[in-house]
């Protein structure tokens, strides 16, 4: 499953421990875009460890998702598995900066 995502802010990494187990998480403020590049929804997207290690920056991406059961709630949710740069039709039509 894929979606067009505009990451507008990568939030600071948060760490802690619970029941003697260390945890680390980071999320980003995002806009889900329609195929034509117009905004669809705004929300927070958790960034998985594998992508945090590669470095995630603000920009427009094609996000790849997989379904995964949450260990605590057992709810099946979409989880971000990859990001690839994406140029919206608006960006492609914009004149190059000189």
PDB file of N, CA and C in Angstrom:
ATOM      1  N   UNK A   1       0.847  -1.159   0.000  1.00  0.00           N
ATOM      2  CA  UNK A   1       0.000   0.000   0.000  1.00  0.00           C
ATOM      3  C   UNK A   1       0.906   1.240   0.000  1.00  0.00           C
ATOM      4  N   UNK A   2       0.539   2.233  -0.805  1.00  0.00           N
ATOM      5  CA  UNK A   2       1.337   3.456  -0.905  1.00  0.00           C
ATOM      6  C   UNK A   2       0.454   4.689  -0.731  1.00  0.00           C
ATOM      7  N   UNK A   3       1.079   5.777  -0.281  1.00  0.00           N
ATOM      8  CA  UNK A   3       0.382   7.054  -0.125  1.00  0.00           C
ATOM      9  C   UNK A   3       1.386   8.172  -0.356  1.00  0.00           C
ATOM     10  N   UNK A   4       0.880   9.320  -0.811  1.00  0.00           N
ATOM     11  CA  UNK A   4       1.733  10.497  -0.991  1.00  0.00           C
ATOM     12  C   UNK A   4       1.667  11.288   0.321  1.00  0.00           C
ATOM     13  N   UNK A   5       2.840  11.546   0.899  1.00  0.00           N
ATOM     14  CA  UNK A   5       2.943  12.175   2.212  1.00  0.00           C
ATOM     15  C   UNK A   5       3.859  13.382   2.127  1.00  0.00           C
ATOM     16  N   UNK A   6       3.434  14.492   2.700  1.00  0.00           N
ATOM     17  CA  UNK A   6       4.317  15.643   2.847  1.00  0.00           C
ATOM     18  C   UNK A   6       4.661  15.759   4.327  1.00  0.00           C
ATOM     19  N   UNK A   7       5.925  15.536   4.662  1.00  0.00           N
ATOM     20  CA  UNK A   7       6.386  15.683   6.042  1.00  0.00           C
ATOM     21  C   UNK A   7       6.742  17.156   6.225  1.00  0.00           C
ATOM     22  N   UNK A   8       6.035  17.820   7.144  1.00  0.00           N
ATOM     23  CA  UNK A   8       6.290  19.246   7.343  1.00  0.00           C
ATOM     24  C   UNK A   8       7.176  19.507   8.561  1.00  0.00           C
ATOM     25  N   UNK A   9       7.243  18.545   9.494  1.00  0.00           N
ATOM     26  CA  UNK A   9       8.101  18.707  10.666  1.00  0.00           C
ATOM     27  C   UNK A   9       8.420  17.341  11.245  1.00  0.00           C
ATOM     28  N   UNK A  10       9.701  17.096  11.511  1.00  0.00           N
ATOM     29  CA  UNK A  10      10.115  15.876  12.196  1.00  0.00           C
ATOM     30  C   UNK A  10      10.295  16.252  13.665  1.00  0.00           C
ATOM     31  N   UNK A  11       9.522  15.635  14.529  1.00  0.00           N
ATOM     32  CA  UNK A  11       9.566  15.953  15.952  1.00  0.00           C
ATOM     33  C   UNK A  11      10.798  15.339  16.613  1.00  0.00           C
ATOM     34  N   UNK A  12      11.183  15.890  17.762  1.00  0.00           N
ATOM     35  CA  UNK A  12      12.327  15.381  18.512  1.00  0.00           C
ATOM     36  C   UNK A  12      12.073  13.936  18.942  1.00  0.00           C
ATOM     37  N   UNK A  13      13.148  13.169  19.007  1.00  0.00           N
ATOM     38  CA  UNK A  13      13.082  11.795  19.463  1.00  0.00           C
ATOM     39  C   UNK A  13      12.763  11.788  20.959  1.00  0.00           C
ATOM     40  N   UNK A  14      11.895  10.863  21.379  1.00  0.00           N
ATOM     41  CA  UNK A  14      11.564  10.717  22.792  1.00  0.00           C
ATOM     42  C   UNK A  14      12.044   9.346  23.262  1.00  0.00           C
ATOM     43  N   UNK A  15      12.546   9.288  24.504  1.00  0.00           N
ATOM     44  CA  UNK A  15      13.036   8.033  25.065  1.00  0.00           C
ATOM     45  C   UNK A  15      12.499   7.873  26.478  1.00  0.00           C
ATOM     46  N   UNK A  16      12.570   6.669  26.976  1.00  0.00           N
ATOM     47  CA  UNK A  16      12.142   6.392  28.335  1.00  0.00           C
ATOM     48  C   UNK A  16      12.297   4.918  28.630  1.00  0.00           C
ATOM     49  N   UNK A  17      11.710   4.484  29.719  1.00  0.00           N
ATOM     50  CA  UNK A  17      11.702   3.064  30.040  1.00  0.00           C
ATOM     51  C   UNK A  17      10.405   2.728  30.757  1.00  0.00           C
ATOM     52  N   UNK A  18       9.951   1.521  30.559  1.00  0.00           N
ATOM     53  CA  UNK A  18       8.734   1.038  31.196  1.00  0.00           C
ATOM     54  C   UNK A  18       8.954  -0.421  31.551  1.00  0.00           C
ATOM     55  N   UNK A  19       8.682  -0.757  32.772  1.00  0.00           N
ATOM     56  CA  UNK A  19       8.880  -2.124  33.249  1.00  0.00           C
ATOM     57  C   UNK A  19      10.306  -2.599  32.999  1.00  0.00           C
ATOM     58  N   UNK A  20      11.272  -1.675  33.144  1.00  0.00           N
ATOM     59  CA  UNK A  20      12.678  -2.027  32.970  1.00  0.00           C
ATOM     60  C   UNK A  20      13.128  -2.164  31.524  1.00  0.00           C
ATOM     61  N   UNK A  21      12.263  -1.834  30.586  1.00  0.00           N
ATOM     62  CA  UNK A  21      12.606  -1.927  29.162  1.00  0.00           C
ATOM     63  C   UNK A  21      12.686  -0.534  28.564  1.00  0.00           C
ATOM     64  N   UNK A  22      13.824  -0.237  27.960  1.00  0.00           N
ATOM     65  CA  UNK A  22      14.011   1.078  27.329  1.00  0.00           C
ATOM     66  C   UNK A  22      13.196   1.160  26.048  1.00  0.00           C
ATOM     67  N   UNK A  23      12.677   2.346  25.763  1.00  0.00           N
ATOM     68  CA  UNK A  23      11.968   2.561  24.504  1.00  0.00           C
ATOM     69  C   UNK A  23      12.411   3.884  23.904  1.00  0.00           C
ATOM     70  N   UNK A  24      12.207   4.003  22.603  1.00  0.00           N
ATOM     71  CA  UNK A  24      12.570   5.203  21.852  1.00  0.00           C
ATOM     72  C   UNK A  24      11.540   5.360  20.754  1.00  0.00           C
ATOM     73  N   UNK A  25      11.072   6.586  20.552  1.00  0.00           N
ATOM     74  CA  UNK A  25      10.114   6.816  19.467  1.00  0.00           C
ATOM     75  C   UNK A  25      10.293   8.215  18.893  1.00  0.00           C
ATOM     76  N   UNK A  26       9.877   8.349  17.645  1.00  0.00           N
ATOM     77  CA  UNK A  26       9.909   9.639  16.970  1.00  0.00           C
ATOM     78  C   UNK A  26       8.750   9.658  15.985  1.00  0.00           C
ATOM     79  N   UNK A  27       8.137  10.814  15.849  1.00  0.00           N
ATOM     80  CA  UNK A  27       7.061  10.941  14.875  1.00  0.00           C
ATOM     81  C   UNK A  27       7.229  12.230  14.091  1.00  0.00           C
ATOM     82  N   UNK A  28       6.361  12.411  13.112  1.00  0.00           N
ATOM     83  CA  UNK A  28       6.448  13.588  12.257  1.00  0.00           C
ATOM     84  C   UNK A  28       5.049  14.132  11.989  1.00  0.00           C
ATOM     85  N   UNK A  29       4.989  15.438  11.798  1.00  0.00           N
ATOM     86  CA  UNK A  29       3.741  16.111  11.433  1.00  0.00           C
ATOM     87  C   UNK A  29       3.628  16.027   9.913  1.00  0.00           C
ATOM     88  N   UNK A  30       2.517  15.499   9.424  1.00  0.00           N
ATOM     89  CA  UNK A  30       2.399  15.209   7.990  1.00  0.00           C
ATOM     90  C   UNK A  30       1.070  15.662   7.406  1.00  0.00           C
ATOM     91  N   UNK A  31       1.103  15.819   6.088  1.00  0.00           N
ATOM     92  CA  UNK A  31      -0.108  16.054   5.303  1.00  0.00           C
ATOM     93  C   UNK A  31      -0.209  14.909   4.304  1.00  0.00           C
ATOM     94  N   UNK A  32      -1.349  14.216   4.287  1.00  0.00           N
ATOM     95  CA  UNK A  32      -1.600  13.224   3.250  1.00  0.00           C
ATOM     96  C   UNK A  32      -2.090  13.983   2.026  1.00  0.00           C
ATOM     97  N   UNK A  33      -1.505  13.676   0.879  1.00  0.00           N
ATOM     98  CA  UNK A  33      -1.851  14.391  -0.346  1.00  0.00           C
ATOM     99  C   UNK A  33      -2.651  13.519  -1.296  1.00  0.00           C
ATOM    100  N   UNK A  34      -3.568  14.149  -2.032  1.00  0.00           N
ATOM    101  CA  UNK A  34      -4.276  13.471  -3.116  1.00  0.00           C
ATOM    102  C   UNK A  34      -3.311  13.283  -4.279  1.00  0.00           C
ATOM    103  N   UNK A  35      -3.695  12.508  -5.272  1.00  0.00           N
ATOM    104  CA  UNK A  35      -2.837  12.258  -6.437  1.00  0.00           C
ATOM    105  C   UNK A  35      -2.437  13.536  -7.165  1.00  0.00           C
ATOM    106  N   UNK A  36      -3.268  14.585  -7.085  1.00  0.00           N
ATOM    107  CA  UNK A  36      -2.942  15.840  -7.765  1.00  0.00           C
ATOM    108  C   UNK A  36      -2.096  16.779  -6.890  1.00  0.00           C
ATOM    109  N   UNK A  37      -1.703  16.317  -5.694  1.00  0.00           N
ATOM    110  CA  UNK A  37      -0.854  17.120  -4.823  1.00  0.00           C
ATOM    111  C   UNK A  37      -1.598  18.018  -3.858  1.00  0.00           C
ATOM    112  N   UNK A  38      -2.936  18.004  -3.890  1.00  0.00           N
ATOM    113  CA  UNK A  38      -3.702  18.821  -2.956  1.00  0.00           C
ATOM    114  C   UNK A  38      -3.832  18.091  -1.613  1.00  0.00           C
ATOM    115  N   UNK A  39      -3.915  18.844  -0.509  1.00  0.00           N
ATOM    116  CA  UNK A  39      -4.024  18.222   0.820  1.00  0.00           C
ATOM    117  C   UNK A  39      -5.314  17.423   0.989  1.00  0.00           C
ATOM    118  N   UNK A  40      -5.202  16.288   1.665  1.00  0.00           N
ATOM    119  CA  UNK A  40      -6.347  15.444   1.961  1.00  0.00           C
ATOM    120  C   UNK A  40      -6.624  15.419   3.461  1.00  0.00           C
ATOM    121  N   UNK A  41      -5.580  15.111   4.252  1.00  0.00           N
ATOM    122  CA  UNK A  41      -5.714  15.042   5.704  1.00  0.00           C
ATOM    123  C   UNK A  41      -4.403  15.456   6.354  1.00  0.00           C
ATOM    124  N   UNK A  42      -4.488  15.856   7.624  1.00  0.00           N
ATOM    125  CA  UNK A  42      -3.311  16.231   8.395  1.00  0.00           C
ATOM    126  C   UNK A  42      -3.240  15.308   9.604  1.00  0.00           C
ATOM    127  N   UNK A  43      -2.018  14.865   9.957  1.00  0.00           N
ATOM    128  CA  UNK A  43      -1.896  13.989  11.111  1.00  0.00           C
ATOM    129  C   UNK A  43      -0.451  13.764  11.517  1.00  0.00           C
ATOM    130  N   UNK A  44      -0.275  12.882  12.484  1.00  0.00           N
ATOM    131  CA  UNK A  44       1.035  12.527  13.012  1.00  0.00           C
ATOM    132  C   UNK A  44       1.365  11.117  12.545  1.00  0.00           C
ATOM    133  N   UNK A  45       2.584  10.943  12.027  1.00  0.00           N
ATOM    134  CA  UNK A  45       3.022   9.650  11.508  1.00  0.00           C
ATOM    135  C   UNK A  45       4.229   9.168  12.300  1.00  0.00           C
ATOM    136  N   UNK A  46       4.120   8.014  12.987  1.00  0.00           N
ATOM    137  CA  UNK A  46       5.282   7.463  13.679  1.00  0.00           C
ATOM    138  C   UNK A  46       6.358   7.044  12.666  1.00  0.00           C
ATOM    139  N   UNK A  47       7.622   7.305  13.016  1.00  0.00           N
ATOM    140  CA  UNK A  47       8.737   6.924  12.147  1.00  0.00           C
ATOM    141  C   UNK A  47       9.394   5.688  12.750  1.00  0.00           C
ATOM    142  N   UNK A  48       9.400   4.567  12.030  1.00  0.00           N
ATOM    143  CA  UNK A  48      10.009   3.349  12.574  1.00  0.00           C
ATOM    144  C   UNK A  48      11.530   3.474  12.692  1.00  0.00           C
ATOM    145  N   UNK A  49      12.091   2.676  13.577  1.00  0.00           N
ATOM    146  CA  UNK A  49      13.520   2.726  13.882  1.00  0.00           C
ATOM    147  C   UNK A  49      14.382   2.624  12.627  1.00  0.00           C
ATOM    148  N   UNK A  50      14.032   1.726  11.708  1.00  0.00           N
ATOM    149  CA  UNK A  50      14.826   1.531  10.494  1.00  0.00           C
ATOM    150  C   UNK A  50      14.939   2.811   9.677  1.00  0.00           C
ATOM    151  N   UNK A  51      13.873   3.595   9.622  1.00  0.00           N
ATOM    152  CA  UNK A  51      13.898   4.852   8.874  1.00  0.00           C
ATOM    153  C   UNK A  51      14.543   5.969   9.677  1.00  0.00           C
ATOM    154  N   UNK A  52      14.382   5.970  11.006  1.00  0.00           N
ATOM    155  CA  UNK A  52      15.056   6.974  11.841  1.00  0.00           C
ATOM    156  C   UNK A  52      16.563   6.876  11.664  1.00  0.00           C
ATOM    157  N   UNK A  53      17.082   5.650  11.581  1.00  0.00           N
ATOM    158  CA  UNK A  53      18.520   5.447  11.430  1.00  0.00           C
ATOM    159  C   UNK A  53      19.036   5.992  10.098  1.00  0.00           C
ATOM    160  N   UNK A  54      18.193   5.983   9.064  1.00  0.00           N
ATOM    161  CA  UNK A  54      18.580   6.528   7.756  1.00  0.00           C
ATOM    162  C   UNK A  54      18.448   8.049   7.722  1.00  0.00           C
ATOM    163  N   UNK A  55      17.631   8.591   8.622  1.00  0.00           N
ATOM    164  CA  UNK A  55      17.396  10.034   8.658  1.00  0.00           C
ATOM    165  C   UNK A  55      16.188  10.414   7.832  1.00  0.00           C
ATOM    166  N   UNK A  56      15.221  11.023   8.462  1.00  0.00           N
ATOM    167  CA  UNK A  56      14.006  11.475   7.786  1.00  0.00           C
ATOM    168  C   UNK A  56      13.962  12.995   7.880  1.00  0.00           C
ATOM    169  N   UNK A  57      13.716  13.643   6.762  1.00  0.00           N
ATOM    170  CA  UNK A  57      13.673  15.102   6.690  1.00  0.00           C
ATOM    171  C   UNK A  57      12.347  15.571   6.114  1.00  0.00           C
ATOM    172  N   UNK A  58      11.975  16.830   6.379  1.00  0.00           N
ATOM    173  CA  UNK A  58      10.779  17.361   5.738  1.00  0.00           C
ATOM    174  C   UNK A  58      10.890  17.265   4.215  1.00  0.00           C
ATOM    175  N   UNK A  59       9.768  17.021   3.574  1.00  0.00           N
ATOM    176  CA  UNK A  59       9.726  16.892   2.123  1.00  0.00           C
ATOM    177  C   UNK A  59       8.502  16.101   1.719  1.00  0.00           C
ATOM    178  N   UNK A  60       8.372  15.861   0.425  1.00  0.00           N
ATOM    179  CA  UNK A  60       7.238  15.107  -0.104  1.00  0.00           C
ATOM    180  C   UNK A  60       7.736  13.737  -0.548  1.00  0.00           C
ATOM    181  N   UNK A  61       7.013  12.701  -0.120  1.00  0.00           N
ATOM    182  CA  UNK A  61       7.441  11.326  -0.332  1.00  0.00           C
ATOM    183  C   UNK A  61       6.286  10.440  -0.762  1.00  0.00           C
ATOM    184  N   UNK A  62       6.638   9.338  -1.410  1.00  0.00           N
ATOM    185  CA  UNK A  62       5.717   8.224  -1.547  1.00  0.00           C
ATOM    186  C   UNK A  62       6.020   7.325  -0.367  1.00  0.00           C
ATOM    187  N   UNK A  63       5.048   7.138   0.497  1.00  0.00           N
ATOM    188  CA  UNK A  63       5.224   6.280   1.665  1.00  0.00           C
ATOM    189  C   UNK A  63       4.698   4.891   1.359  1.00  0.00           C
ATOM    190  N   UNK A  64       5.468   3.891   1.762  1.00  0.00           N
ATOM    191  CA  UNK A  64       5.055   2.504   1.614  1.00  0.00           C
ATOM    192  C   UNK A  64       4.657   1.989   2.993  1.00  0.00           C
ATOM    193  N   UNK A  65       3.552   1.273   3.059  1.00  0.00           N
ATOM    194  CA  UNK A  65       3.020   0.801   4.328  1.00  0.00           C
ATOM    195  C   UNK A  65       2.762  -0.698   4.285  1.00  0.00           C
ATOM    196  N   UNK A  66       2.851  -1.326   5.462  1.00  0.00           N
ATOM    197  CA  UNK A  66       2.501  -2.732   5.627  1.00  0.00           C
ATOM    198  C   UNK A  66       1.531  -2.824   6.800  1.00  0.00           C
ATOM    199  N   UNK A  67       0.737  -3.876   6.834  1.00  0.00           N
ATOM    200  CA  UNK A  67      -0.169  -4.086   7.948  1.00  0.00           C
ATOM    201  C   UNK A  67       0.537  -4.895   9.024  1.00  0.00           C
ATOM    202  N   UNK A  68       0.323  -4.489  10.289  1.00  0.00           N
ATOM    203  CA  UNK A  68       0.994  -5.149  11.407  1.00  0.00           C
ATOM    204  C   UNK A  68       0.086  -5.069  12.630  1.00  0.00           C
ATOM    205  N   UNK A  69       0.058  -6.139  13.431  1.00  0.00           N
ATOM    206  CA  UNK A  69      -0.734  -6.141  14.660  1.00  0.00           C
ATOM    207  C   UNK A  69       0.061  -5.475  15.776  1.00  0.00           C
ATOM    208  N   UNK A  70      -0.558  -4.542  16.488  1.00  0.00           N
ATOM    209  CA  UNK A  70       0.066  -3.896  17.642  1.00  0.00           C
ATOM    210  C   UNK A  70       0.216  -4.943  18.745  1.00  0.00           C
ATOM    211  N   UNK A  71       1.385  -4.984  19.388  1.00  0.00           N
ATOM    212  CA  UNK A  71       1.648  -6.002  20.401  1.00  0.00           C
ATOM    213  C   UNK A  71       0.749  -5.870  21.629  1.00  0.00           C
ATOM    214  N   UNK A  72       0.399  -4.650  22.019  1.00  0.00           N
ATOM    215  CA  UNK A  72      -0.433  -4.450  23.208  1.00  0.00           C
ATOM    216  C   UNK A  72      -1.913  -4.571  22.908  1.00  0.00           C
ATOM    217  N   UNK A  73      -2.376  -3.884  21.874  1.00  0.00           N
ATOM    218  CA  UNK A  73      -3.821  -3.828  21.608  1.00  0.00           C
ATOM    219  C   UNK A  73      -4.306  -4.907  20.652  1.00  0.00           C
ATOM    220  N   UNK A  74      -3.380  -5.512  19.918  1.00  0.00           N
ATOM    221  CA  UNK A  74      -3.678  -6.524  18.892  1.00  0.00           C
ATOM    222  C   UNK A  74      -4.443  -5.934  17.708  1.00  0.00           C
ATOM    223  N   UNK A  75      -4.583  -4.599  17.659  1.00  0.00           N
ATOM    224  CA  UNK A  75      -5.247  -3.949  16.531  1.00  0.00           C
ATOM    225  C   UNK A  75      -4.323  -3.998  15.325  1.00  0.00           C
ATOM    226  N   UNK A  76      -4.864  -4.307  14.182  1.00  0.00           N
ATOM    227  CA  UNK A  76      -4.075  -4.317  12.961  1.00  0.00           C
ATOM    228  C   UNK A  76      -4.067  -2.906  12.399  1.00  0.00           C
ATOM    229  N   UNK A  77      -2.832  -2.382  12.202  1.00  0.00           N
ATOM    230  CA  UNK A  77      -2.657  -1.001  11.768  1.00  0.00           C
ATOM    231  C   UNK A  77      -1.655  -0.937  10.631  1.00  0.00           C
ATOM    232  N   UNK A  78      -1.724   0.129   9.846  1.00  0.00           N
ATOM    233  CA  UNK A  78      -0.731   0.371   8.801  1.00  0.00           C
ATOM    234  C   UNK A  78       0.525   0.939   9.451  1.00  0.00           C
ATOM    235  N   UNK A  79       1.687   0.413   9.068  1.00  0.00           N
ATOM    236  CA  UNK A  79       2.970   0.851   9.609  1.00  0.00           C
ATOM    237  C   UNK A  79       3.848   1.292   8.444  1.00  0.00           C
ATOM    238  N   UNK A  80       4.476   2.463   8.571  1.00  0.00           N
ATOM    239  CA  UNK A  80       5.369   2.985   7.543  1.00  0.00           C
ATOM    240  C   UNK A  80       6.575   2.064   7.389  1.00  0.00           C
ATOM    241  N   UNK A  81       6.864   1.645   6.164  1.00  0.00           N
ATOM    242  CA  UNK A  81       8.014   0.766   5.917  1.00  0.00           C
ATOM    243  C   UNK A  81       9.046   1.390   4.981  1.00  0.00           C
ATOM    244  N   UNK A  82       8.682   2.435   4.262  1.00  0.00           N
ATOM    245  CA  UNK A  82       9.637   3.060   3.349  1.00  0.00           C
ATOM    246  C   UNK A  82       9.181   4.429   2.891  1.00  0.00           C
ATOM    247  N   UNK A  83      10.169   5.256   2.521  1.00  0.00           N
ATOM    248  CA  UNK A  83       9.909   6.587   1.971  1.00  0.00           C
ATOM    249  C   UNK A  83      10.765   6.784   0.733  1.00  0.00           C
ATOM    250  N   UNK A  84      10.154   7.259  -0.343  1.00  0.00           N
ATOM    251  CA  UNK A  84      10.883   7.580  -1.572  1.00  0.00           C
ATOM    252  C   UNK A  84      10.504   8.998  -1.974  1.00  0.00           C
ATOM    253  N   UNK A  85      11.477   9.838  -2.372  1.00  0.00           N
ATOM    254  CA  UNK A  85      11.158  11.218  -2.784  1.00  0.00           C
ATOM    255  C   UNK A  85      10.076  11.239  -3.868  1.00  0.00           C
ATOM    256  N   UNK A  86       9.208  12.248  -3.802  1.00  0.00           N
ATOM    257  CA  UNK A  86       8.093  12.371  -4.740  1.00  0.00           C
ATOM    258  C   UNK A  86       7.950  13.827  -5.150  1.00  0.00           C
ATOM    259  N   UNK A  87       7.814  14.081  -6.428  1.00  0.00           N
ATOM    260  CA  UNK A  87       7.573  15.441  -6.930  1.00  0.00           C
ATOM    261  C   UNK A  87       6.099  15.547  -7.300  1.00  0.00           C
ATOM    262  N   UNK A  88       5.375  16.447  -6.626  1.00  0.00           N
ATOM    263  CA  UNK A  88       3.972  16.650  -6.961  1.00  0.00           C
ATOM    264  C   UNK A  88       3.870  17.358  -8.303  1.00  0.00           C
ATOM    265  N   UNK A  89       2.698  17.352  -8.883  1.00  0.00           N
ATOM    266  CA  UNK A  89       2.496  18.038 -10.155  1.00  0.00           C
ATOM    267  C   UNK A  89       2.761  19.536  -9.993  1.00  0.00           C
ATOM    268  N   UNK A  90       2.435  20.099  -8.830  1.00  0.00           N
ATOM    269  CA  UNK A  90       2.711  21.516  -8.580  1.00  0.00           C
ATOM    270  C   UNK A  90       4.199  21.784  -8.555  1.00  0.00           C
ATOM    271  N   UNK A  91       4.969  20.895  -7.889  1.00  0.00           N
ATOM    272  CA  UNK A  91       6.421  21.067  -7.816  1.00  0.00           C
ATOM    273  C   UNK A  91       7.041  20.915  -9.191  1.00  0.00           C
ATOM    274  N   UNK A  92       6.578  19.953  -9.973  1.00  0.00           N
ATOM    275  CA  UNK A  92       7.128  19.715 -11.302  1.00  0.00           C
ATOM    276  C   UNK A  92       6.850  20.902 -12.213  1.00  0.00           C
ATOM    277  N   UNK A  93       5.711  21.602 -12.013  1.00  0.00           N
ATOM    278  CA  UNK A  93       5.350  22.728 -12.860  1.00  0.00           C
ATOM    279  C   UNK A  93       6.048  24.030 -12.444  1.00  0.00           C
ATOM    280  N   UNK A  94       6.575  24.066 -11.235  1.00  0.00           N
ATOM    281  CA  UNK A  94       7.216  25.298 -10.749  1.00  0.00           C
ATOM    282  C   UNK A  94       8.502  25.559 -11.509  1.00  0.00           C
ATOM    283  N   UNK A  95       8.789  26.846 -11.827  1.00  0.00           N
ATOM    284  CA  UNK A  95      10.039  27.165 -12.533  1.00  0.00           C
ATOM    285  C   UNK A  95      11.237  26.925 -11.622  1.00  0.00           C
ATOM    286  N   UNK A  96      12.344  26.546 -12.218  1.00  0.00           N
ATOM    287  CA  UNK A  96      13.569  26.290 -11.464  1.00  0.00           C
ATOM    288  C   UNK A  96      14.101  27.605 -10.900  1.00  0.00           C
ATOM    289  N   UNK A  97      14.642  27.528  -9.686  1.00  0.00           N
ATOM    290  CA  UNK A  97      15.241  28.725  -9.070  1.00  0.00           C
ATOM    291  C   UNK A  97      16.547  29.057  -9.765  1.00  0.00           C
ATOM    292  N   UNK A  98      16.813  30.341  -9.946  1.00  0.00           N
ATOM    293  CA  UNK A  98      18.052  30.728 -10.619  1.00  0.00           C
ATOM    294  C   UNK A  98      19.014  31.396  -9.676  1.00  0.00           C
TER     295      UNK A  98
END
